[in-house]
Amino acid sequence: MKKEVISTDKAPAAVGPYSQAIRTAGDMLFLSGQVPLDPSTGKLAQGDIGEQAAQCCKNLAAVLESQGLSLNNVVKTTVFITDISNFARVNEVYKQYFKAPCPARSCVEVSALPLGAQVEIEAIAVA
């Protein structure tokens, strides 16, 4: 199996033993979950969960752009949020980045996320 590690300095560096993304045979790209780290400062995006969700989407877009792709190439996302009552606010932001036909998606509440983030988004894209 072909497996290529994808990395860009336009998105936050991995904060653990994982890759930003992996490209496999068939041009599938598996993007690790992006928390709302600002790649220029290395700090969490300030503001509410909406601002954090926007930064997650920008980070996903940066990884995709490093491969000549965009959010339009995403076929599946998983959204992790620490408070399901923020679901509507995350949706408001999410739909600004993912246009119809929207990718398949799951959204789950989790007890905590790395670095105290309120939201994390992972994705699968096809070239």
C-alpha atoms as a PDB file:
ATOM      1  CA  MET A   1       0.000   0.000   0.000  1.00  0.00           C
ATOM      2  CA  LYS A   2       1.245   3.446  -0.945  1.00  0.00           C
ATOM      3  CA  LYS A   3       1.269   5.782   2.071  1.00  0.00           C
ATOM      4  CA  GLU A   4       2.604   9.344   1.824  1.00  0.00           C
ATOM      5  CA  VAL A   5       2.931  11.670   4.808  1.00  0.00           C
ATOM      6  CA  ILE A   6       1.547  15.165   4.167  1.00  0.00           C
ATOM      7  CA  SER A   7       2.808  18.168   6.124  1.00  0.00           C
ATOM      8  CA  THR A   8       2.578  21.930   5.712  1.00  0.00           C
ATOM      9  CA  ASP A   9       3.683  24.837   7.880  1.00  0.00           C
ATOM     10  CA  LYS A  10       0.478  26.663   6.873  1.00  0.00           C
ATOM     11  CA  ALA A  11      -1.391  24.501   9.413  1.00  0.00           C
ATOM     12  CA  PRO A  12      -0.417  23.756  13.017  1.00  0.00           C
ATOM     13  CA  ALA A  13       2.250  21.117  13.504  1.00  0.00           C
ATOM     14  CA  ALA A  14       1.145  17.848  15.041  1.00  0.00           C
ATOM     15  CA  VAL A  15       1.033  18.028  18.843  1.00  0.00           C
ATOM     16  CA  GLY A  16       1.596  14.290  19.195  1.00  0.00           C
ATOM     17  CA  PRO A  17       2.777  11.192  17.348  1.00  0.00           C
ATOM     18  CA  TYR A  18       0.658  11.632  14.205  1.00  0.00           C
ATOM     19  CA  SER A  19       0.811  13.190  10.743  1.00  0.00           C
ATOM     20  CA  GLN A  20      -1.216  16.173   9.566  1.00  0.00           C
ATOM     21  CA  ALA A  21      -2.498  13.934   6.779  1.00  0.00           C
ATOM     22  CA  ILE A  22      -1.790  10.708   4.922  1.00  0.00           C
ATOM     23  CA  ARG A  23      -2.345  10.213   1.184  1.00  0.00           C
ATOM     24  CA  THR A  24      -3.011   6.649   0.103  1.00  0.00           C
ATOM     25  CA  ALA A  25      -3.321   4.843  -3.222  1.00  0.00           C
ATOM     26  CA  GLY A  26      -6.380   5.982  -5.096  1.00  0.00           C
ATOM     27  CA  ASP A  27      -5.696   9.591  -4.105  1.00  0.00           C
ATOM     28  CA  MET A  28      -7.560   9.448  -0.811  1.00  0.00           C
ATOM     29  CA  LEU A  29      -6.324  11.939   1.757  1.00  0.00           C
ATOM     30  CA  PHE A  30      -7.005  11.287   5.445  1.00  0.00           C
ATOM     31  CA  LEU A  31      -6.644  14.488   7.455  1.00  0.00           C
ATOM     32  CA  SER A  32      -5.986  14.299  11.178  1.00  0.00           C
ATOM     33  CA  GLY A  33      -8.291  16.231  13.437  1.00  0.00           C
ATOM     34  CA  GLN A  34      -7.540  19.925  13.499  1.00  0.00           C
ATOM     35  CA  VAL A  35      -7.998  21.823  16.718  1.00  0.00           C
ATOM     36  CA  PRO A  36      -8.267  25.619  16.496  1.00  0.00           C
ATOM     37  CA  LEU A  37      -4.566  26.405  16.728  1.00  0.00           C
ATOM     38  CA  ASP A  38      -3.418  29.491  14.862  1.00  0.00           C
ATOM     39  CA  PRO A  39      -0.356  28.255  12.916  1.00  0.00           C
ATOM     40  CA  SER A  40       1.311  31.679  13.103  1.00  0.00           C
ATOM     41  CA  THR A  41       1.199  31.854  16.909  1.00  0.00           C
ATOM     42  CA  GLY A  42       0.810  28.226  17.983  1.00  0.00           C
ATOM     43  CA  LYS A  43      -1.992  29.331  20.311  1.00  0.00           C
ATOM     44  CA  LEU A  44      -5.690  28.486  20.433  1.00  0.00           C
ATOM     45  CA  ALA A  45      -7.957  30.823  18.491  1.00  0.00           C
ATOM     46  CA  GLN A  46      -9.598  33.317  20.799  1.00  0.00           C
ATOM     47  CA  GLY A  47     -13.351  33.739  21.031  1.00  0.00           C
ATOM     48  CA  ASP A  48     -16.339  31.457  21.142  1.00  0.00           C
ATOM     49  CA  ILE A  49     -16.765  28.031  19.599  1.00  0.00           C
ATOM     50  CA  GLY A  50     -17.685  29.711  16.305  1.00  0.00           C
ATOM     51  CA  GLU A  51     -14.264  31.332  16.007  1.00  0.00           C
ATOM     52  CA  GLN A  52     -12.670  28.057  17.031  1.00  0.00           C
ATOM     53  CA  ALA A  53     -14.652  26.113  14.411  1.00  0.00           C
ATOM     54  CA  ALA A  54     -13.598  28.631  11.755  1.00  0.00           C
ATOM     55  CA  GLN A  55      -9.930  28.138  12.649  1.00  0.00           C
ATOM     56  CA  CYS A  56     -10.358  24.347  12.439  1.00  0.00           C
ATOM     57  CA  CYS A  57     -11.783  24.749   8.928  1.00  0.00           C
ATOM     58  CA  LYS A  58      -8.955  27.118   7.917  1.00  0.00           C
ATOM     59  CA  ASN A  59      -6.417  24.572   9.156  1.00  0.00           C
ATOM     60  CA  LEU A  60      -8.068  21.759   7.175  1.00  0.00           C
ATOM     61  CA  ALA A  61      -8.115  24.007   4.094  1.00  0.00           C
ATOM     62  CA  ALA A  62      -4.394  24.756   4.502  1.00  0.00           C
ATOM     63  CA  VAL A  63      -3.483  21.059   4.565  1.00  0.00           C
ATOM     64  CA  LEU A  64      -5.658  20.437   1.498  1.00  0.00           C
ATOM     65  CA  GLU A  65      -4.229  23.447  -0.362  1.00  0.00           C
ATOM     66  CA  SER A  66      -0.715  22.092   0.196  1.00  0.00           C
ATOM     67  CA  GLN A  67      -1.820  19.209  -2.055  1.00  0.00           C
ATOM     68  CA  GLY A  68      -3.604  21.319  -4.675  1.00  0.00           C
ATOM     69  CA  LEU A  69      -7.004  20.461  -3.179  1.00  0.00           C
ATOM     70  CA  SER A  70      -9.746  22.403  -1.424  1.00  0.00           C
ATOM     71  CA  LEU A  71     -12.587  21.810   0.988  1.00  0.00           C
ATOM     72  CA  ASN A  72     -14.658  20.882  -2.081  1.00  0.00           C
ATOM     73  CA  ASN A  73     -12.627  17.642  -2.236  1.00  0.00           C
ATOM     74  CA  VAL A  74     -13.783  16.580   1.242  1.00  0.00           C
ATOM     75  CA  VAL A  75     -16.172  13.622   1.247  1.00  0.00           C
ATOM     76  CA  LYS A  76     -16.467  12.990   5.022  1.00  0.00           C
ATOM     77  CA  THR A  77     -15.880  14.951   8.211  1.00  0.00           C
ATOM     78  CA  THR A  78     -16.150  14.176  11.877  1.00  0.00           C
ATOM     79  CA  VAL A  79     -16.758  17.069  14.248  1.00  0.00           C
ATOM     80  CA  PHE A  80     -15.954  16.692  17.929  1.00  0.00           C
ATOM     81  CA  ILE A  81     -17.399  19.277  20.337  1.00  0.00           C
ATOM     82  CA  THR A  82     -17.166  19.504  24.105  1.00  0.00           C
ATOM     83  CA  ASP A  83     -20.733  20.790  24.534  1.00  0.00           C
ATOM     84  CA  ILE A  84     -23.513  19.551  22.235  1.00  0.00           C
ATOM     85  CA  SER A  85     -25.533  22.681  23.036  1.00  0.00           C
ATOM     86  CA  ASN A  86     -23.057  24.463  20.704  1.00  0.00           C
ATOM     87  CA  PHE A  87     -24.128  22.279  17.763  1.00  0.00           C
ATOM     88  CA  ALA A  88     -26.137  25.061  16.054  1.00  0.00           C
ATOM     89  CA  ARG A  89     -23.294  27.603  16.359  1.00  0.00           C
ATOM     90  CA  VAL A  90     -20.795  25.153  14.880  1.00  0.00           C
ATOM     91  CA  ASN A  91     -23.232  24.462  12.015  1.00  0.00           C
ATOM     92  CA  GLU A  92     -23.468  28.203  11.255  1.00  0.00           C
ATOM     93  CA  VAL A  93     -19.711  28.356  10.770  1.00  0.00           C
ATOM     94  CA  TYR A  94     -19.353  24.931   9.134  1.00  0.00           C
ATOM     95  CA  LYS A  95     -21.745  25.822   6.301  1.00  0.00           C
ATOM     96  CA  GLN A  96     -19.593  28.852   5.444  1.00  0.00           C
ATOM     97  CA  TYR A  97     -16.722  26.488   4.585  1.00  0.00           C
ATOM     98  CA  PHE A  98     -18.466  23.363   3.279  1.00  0.00           C
ATOM     99  CA  LYS A  99     -20.822  24.100   0.387  1.00  0.00           C
ATOM    100  CA  ALA A 100     -23.393  21.839  -1.296  1.00  0.00           C
ATOM    101  CA  PRO A 101     -23.033  19.082  -2.006  1.00  0.00           C
ATOM    102  CA  CYS A 102     -21.842  18.905   1.584  1.00  0.00           C
ATOM    103  CA  PRO A 103     -19.662  16.013   2.714  1.00  0.00           C
ATOM    104  CA  ALA A 104     -21.055  13.230   4.862  1.00  0.00           C
ATOM    105  CA  ARG A 105     -20.577  14.134   8.521  1.00  0.00           C
ATOM    106  CA  SER A 106     -20.733  12.907  12.071  1.00  0.00           C
ATOM    107  CA  CYS A 107     -20.794  15.201  15.092  1.00  0.00           C
ATOM    108  CA  VAL A 108     -20.198  13.899  18.592  1.00  0.00           C
ATOM    109  CA  GLU A 109     -19.862  15.402  22.030  1.00  0.00           C
ATOM    110  CA  VAL A 110     -16.670  14.483  23.864  1.00  0.00           C
ATOM    111  CA  SER A 111     -15.605  15.196  27.436  1.00  0.00           C
ATOM    112  CA  ALA A 112     -12.414  17.050  26.474  1.00  0.00           C
ATOM    113  CA  LEU A 113     -10.166  17.902  23.524  1.00  0.00           C
ATOM    114  CA  PRO A 114      -6.420  18.535  23.279  1.00  0.00           C
ATOM    115  CA  LEU A 115      -5.116  21.863  24.587  1.00  0.00           C
ATOM    116  CA  GLY A 116      -8.545  22.802  25.973  1.00  0.00           C
ATOM    117  CA  ALA A 117     -10.134  23.268  22.550  1.00  0.00           C
ATOM    118  CA  GLN A 118     -13.922  23.350  22.296  1.00  0.00           C
ATOM    119  CA  VAL A 119     -14.008  21.785  18.815  1.00  0.00           C
ATOM    120  CA  GLU A 120     -11.922  19.534  16.542  1.00  0.00           C
ATOM    121  CA  ILE A 121     -12.646  18.549  12.941  1.00  0.00           C
ATOM    122  CA  GLU A 122     -11.128  15.690  10.932  1.00  0.00           C
ATOM    123  CA  ALA A 123     -11.733  14.951   7.257  1.00  0.00           C
ATOM    124  CA  ILE A 124     -11.337  12.530   4.380  1.00  0.00           C
ATOM    125  CA  ALA A 125     -10.806  13.996   0.911  1.00  0.00           C
ATOM    126  CA  VAL A 126     -10.478  12.559  -2.579  1.00  0.00           C
ATOM    127  CA  ALA A 127      -8.303  14.150  -5.258  1.00  0.00           C
END
